[in-house]
C-alpha atoms as a PDB file:
ATOM      1  CA  UNK A   1      58.120  -9.095 157.696  1.00  0.00           C
ATOM      2  CA  UNK A   2      56.610  -7.513 160.876  1.00  0.00           C
ATOM      3  CA  UNK A   3      59.853  -7.909 162.786  1.00  0.00           C
ATOM      4  CA  UNK A   4      61.773  -6.196 160.028  1.00  0.00           C
ATOM      5  CA  UNK A   5      59.198  -3.395 159.900  1.00  0.00           C
ATOM      6  CA  UNK A   6      59.399  -2.852 163.728  1.00  0.00           C
ATOM      7  CA  UNK A   7      63.204  -2.729 163.590  1.00  0.00           C
ATOM      8  CA  UNK A   8      63.065  -0.194 160.774  1.00  0.00           C
ATOM      9  CA  UNK A   9      60.430   1.831 162.749  1.00  0.00           C
ATOM     10  CA  UNK A  10      62.682   1.943 165.847  1.00  0.00           C
ATOM     11  CA  UNK A  11      65.641   3.059 163.702  1.00  0.00           C
ATOM     12  CA  UNK A  12      63.524   5.750 162.168  1.00  0.00           C
ATOM     13  CA  UNK A  13      62.413   6.837 165.584  1.00  0.00           C
ATOM     14  CA  UNK A  14      66.084   7.252 166.648  1.00  0.00           C
ATOM     15  CA  UNK A  15      66.838   9.121 163.453  1.00  0.00           C
ATOM     16  CA  UNK A  16      63.909  11.489 164.022  1.00  0.00           C
ATOM     17  CA  UNK A  17      65.088  12.212 167.524  1.00  0.00           C
ATOM     18  CA  UNK A  18      68.591  12.876 166.405  1.00  0.00           C
ATOM     19  CA  UNK A  19      67.599  15.174 163.524  1.00  0.00           C
ATOM     20  CA  UNK A  20      65.417  17.203 165.735  1.00  0.00           C
ATOM     21  CA  UNK A  21      68.038  17.546 168.417  1.00  0.00           C
ATOM     22  CA  UNK A  22      70.729  18.566 165.954  1.00  0.00           C
ATOM     23  CA  UNK A  23      68.800  21.578 164.818  1.00  0.00           C
ATOM     24  CA  UNK A  24      69.503  24.894 166.366  1.00  0.00           C
ATOM     25  CA  UNK A  25      66.800  26.789 168.159  1.00  0.00           C
ATOM     26  CA  UNK A  26      65.328  29.986 166.814  1.00  0.00           C
ATOM     27  CA  UNK A  27      66.936  31.970 169.578  1.00  0.00           C
ATOM     28  CA  UNK A  28      70.455  30.797 168.847  1.00  0.00           C
ATOM     29  CA  UNK A  29      71.285  33.787 166.722  1.00  0.00           C
ATOM     30  CA  UNK A  30      70.576  36.116 169.601  1.00  0.00           C
ATOM     31  CA  UNK A  31      73.832  35.097 171.316  1.00  0.00           C
ATOM     32  CA  UNK A  32      75.845  36.270 168.272  1.00  0.00           C
ATOM     33  CA  UNK A  33      74.382  39.754 168.603  1.00  0.00           C
ATOM     34  CA  UNK A  34      75.956  40.152 172.090  1.00  0.00           C
ATOM     35  CA  UNK A  35      79.459  39.061 171.151  1.00  0.00           C
ATOM     36  CA  UNK A  36      79.044  35.290 171.076  1.00  0.00           C
ATOM     37  CA  UNK A  37      80.414  33.203 168.282  1.00  0.00           C
ATOM     38  CA  UNK A  38      78.019  32.523 165.430  1.00  0.00           C
ATOM     39  CA  UNK A  39      80.170  29.880 163.740  1.00  0.00           C
ATOM     40  CA  UNK A  40      78.650  26.413 163.512  1.00  0.00           C
ATOM     41  CA  UNK A  41      79.921  23.094 162.201  1.00  0.00           C
ATOM     42  CA  UNK A  42      78.074  23.525 158.848  1.00  0.00           C
ATOM     43  CA  UNK A  43      78.742  27.248 158.344  1.00  0.00           C
ATOM     44  CA  UNK A  44      76.499  30.171 159.104  1.00  0.00           C
ATOM     45  CA  UNK A  45      73.296  28.846 157.536  1.00  0.00           C
ATOM     46  CA  UNK A  46      74.368  25.735 155.617  1.00  0.00           C
ATOM     47  CA  UNK A  47      72.899  23.160 158.074  1.00  0.00           C
ATOM     48  CA  UNK A  48      69.435  24.621 158.365  1.00  0.00           C
ATOM     49  CA  UNK A  49      68.003  23.656 154.979  1.00  0.00           C
ATOM     50  CA  UNK A  50      69.794  20.279 155.051  1.00  0.00           C
ATOM     51  CA  UNK A  51      68.559  19.393 158.542  1.00  0.00           C
ATOM     52  CA  UNK A  52      65.097  20.561 157.690  1.00  0.00           C
ATOM     53  CA  UNK A  53      64.974  18.265 154.687  1.00  0.00           C
ATOM     54  CA  UNK A  54      66.343  15.327 156.648  1.00  0.00           C
ATOM     55  CA  UNK A  55      63.807  15.908 159.469  1.00  0.00           C
ATOM     56  CA  UNK A  56      60.979  16.167 156.967  1.00  0.00           C
ATOM     57  CA  UNK A  57      62.027  12.917 155.229  1.00  0.00           C
ATOM     58  CA  UNK A  58      62.462  11.023 158.486  1.00  0.00           C
ATOM     59  CA  UNK A  59      59.114  12.270 159.707  1.00  0.00           C
ATOM     60  CA  UNK A  60      57.363  11.127 156.601  1.00  0.00           C
ATOM     61  CA  UNK A  61      59.055   7.697 156.968  1.00  0.00           C
ATOM     62  CA  UNK A  62      57.930   7.623 160.593  1.00  0.00           C
ATOM     63  CA  UNK A  63      54.324   8.279 159.625  1.00  0.00           C
ATOM     64  CA  UNK A  64      54.366   5.705 156.896  1.00  0.00           C
ATOM     65  CA  UNK A  65      55.804   2.947 159.152  1.00  0.00           C
ATOM     66  CA  UNK A  66      53.423   3.887 161.967  1.00  0.00           C
ATOM     67  CA  UNK A  67      50.337   3.618 159.734  1.00  0.00           C
ATOM     68  CA  UNK A  68      51.676   0.370 158.162  1.00  0.00           C
ATOM     69  CA  UNK A  69      52.140  -1.171 161.558  1.00  0.00           C
ATOM     70  CA  UNK A  70      48.754  -0.095 162.728  1.00  0.00           C
ATOM     71  CA  UNK A  71      47.121  -1.471 159.524  1.00  0.00           C
ATOM     72  CA  UNK A  72      48.876  -4.830 159.928  1.00  0.00           C
ATOM     73  CA  UNK A  73      47.943  -5.007 163.667  1.00  0.00           C
ATOM     74  CA  UNK A  74      44.281  -4.298 162.788  1.00  0.00           C
ATOM     75  CA  UNK A  75      44.164  -6.902 160.089  1.00  0.00           C
ATOM     76  CA  UNK A  76      45.888  -9.548 162.257  1.00  0.00           C
ATOM     77  CA  UNK A  77      43.393  -9.230 165.107  1.00  0.00           C
ATOM     78  CA  UNK A  78      40.448 -10.082 162.920  1.00  0.00           C
ATOM     79  CA  UNK A  79      37.093  -8.436 162.548  1.00  0.00           C
ATOM     80  CA  UNK A  80      36.087  -6.406 165.582  1.00  0.00           C
ATOM     81  CA  UNK A  81      32.558  -5.944 166.754  1.00  0.00           C
ATOM     82  CA  UNK A  82      31.278  -2.498 167.611  1.00  0.00           C
ATOM     83  CA  UNK A  83      30.565  -1.438 171.177  1.00  0.00           C
ATOM     84  CA  UNK A  84      27.363  -0.022 170.007  1.00  0.00           C
ATOM     85  CA  UNK A  85      26.068  -3.429 168.890  1.00  0.00           C
ATOM     86  CA  UNK A  86      25.582  -4.513 172.509  1.00  0.00           C
ATOM     87  CA  UNK A  87      25.904  -8.293 172.388  1.00  0.00           C
ATOM     88  CA  UNK A  88      23.438 -10.046 174.643  1.00  0.00           C
ATOM     89  CA  UNK A  89      24.767 -11.902 177.696  1.00  0.00           C
ATOM     90  CA  UNK A  90      24.102 -15.600 177.592  1.00  0.00           C
ATOM     91  CA  UNK A  91      23.998 -16.239 181.317  1.00  0.00           C
ATOM     92  CA  UNK A  92      24.048 -14.095 184.484  1.00  0.00           C
ATOM     93  CA  UNK A  93      25.973 -14.959 187.556  1.00  0.00           C
ATOM     94  CA  UNK A  94      24.497 -14.864 190.982  1.00  0.00           C
ATOM     95  CA  UNK A  95      26.114 -12.285 193.376  1.00  0.00           C
ATOM     96  CA  UNK A  96      28.162 -13.665 196.211  1.00  0.00           C
ATOM     97  CA  UNK A  97      26.940 -12.629 199.667  1.00  0.00           C
ATOM     98  CA  UNK A  98      29.343 -11.157 202.119  1.00  0.00           C
ATOM     99  CA  UNK A  99      30.445 -13.631 204.769  1.00  0.00           C
ATOM    100  CA  UNK A 100      29.022 -16.672 202.975  1.00  0.00           C
ATOM    101  CA  UNK A 101      30.230 -19.179 200.413  1.00  0.00           C
ATOM    102  CA  UNK A 102      27.681 -18.016 197.926  1.00  0.00           C
ATOM    103  CA  UNK A 103      25.744 -21.278 198.197  1.00  0.00           C
ATOM    104  CA  UNK A 104      23.042 -20.190 200.566  1.00  0.00           C
ATOM    105  CA  UNK A 105      19.966 -18.623 199.111  1.00  0.00           C
ATOM    106  CA  UNK A 106      19.164 -14.996 199.965  1.00  0.00           C
ATOM    107  CA  UNK A 107      16.501 -14.434 202.692  1.00  0.00           C
ATOM    108  CA  UNK A 108      13.098 -13.804 201.526  1.00  0.00           C
ATOM    109  CA  UNK A 109      12.414 -11.005 203.903  1.00  0.00           C
ATOM    110  CA  UNK A 110      14.367  -9.024 206.361  1.00  0.00           C
ATOM    111  CA  UNK A 111      12.883  -8.702 209.778  1.00  0.00           C
ATOM    112  CA  UNK A 112      12.484  -5.102 211.011  1.00  0.00           C
ATOM    113  CA  UNK A 113      11.994  -3.907 214.593  1.00  0.00           C
ATOM    114  CA  UNK A 114       9.461  -1.125 214.574  1.00  0.00           C
ATOM    115  CA  UNK A 115       7.751  -0.182 217.783  1.00  0.00           C
END
């Protein structure tokens, strides 16, 4: 089930990228004003509403699959504890001293030379 949903999500991602890249930019009509050709594959304005609807539909499907995958992942990992709860540590480790194996005890006092 999850594998099928991930495959569907990847295909929807590809469709969303393609539907966005197929749309013409807002400044594309400016070239026609200076003598450029304004003919497109779908006619003068036929593709704009169609591609807008396709992009909207694919974006909705992308959001639905994203939320579904997030919900499934959250339920599969089990109950989570909050960071704010602050679980108590059961044991503390002794720090390892530099240059030693960590087995020698720390010196009780450090001699100082004050004169």
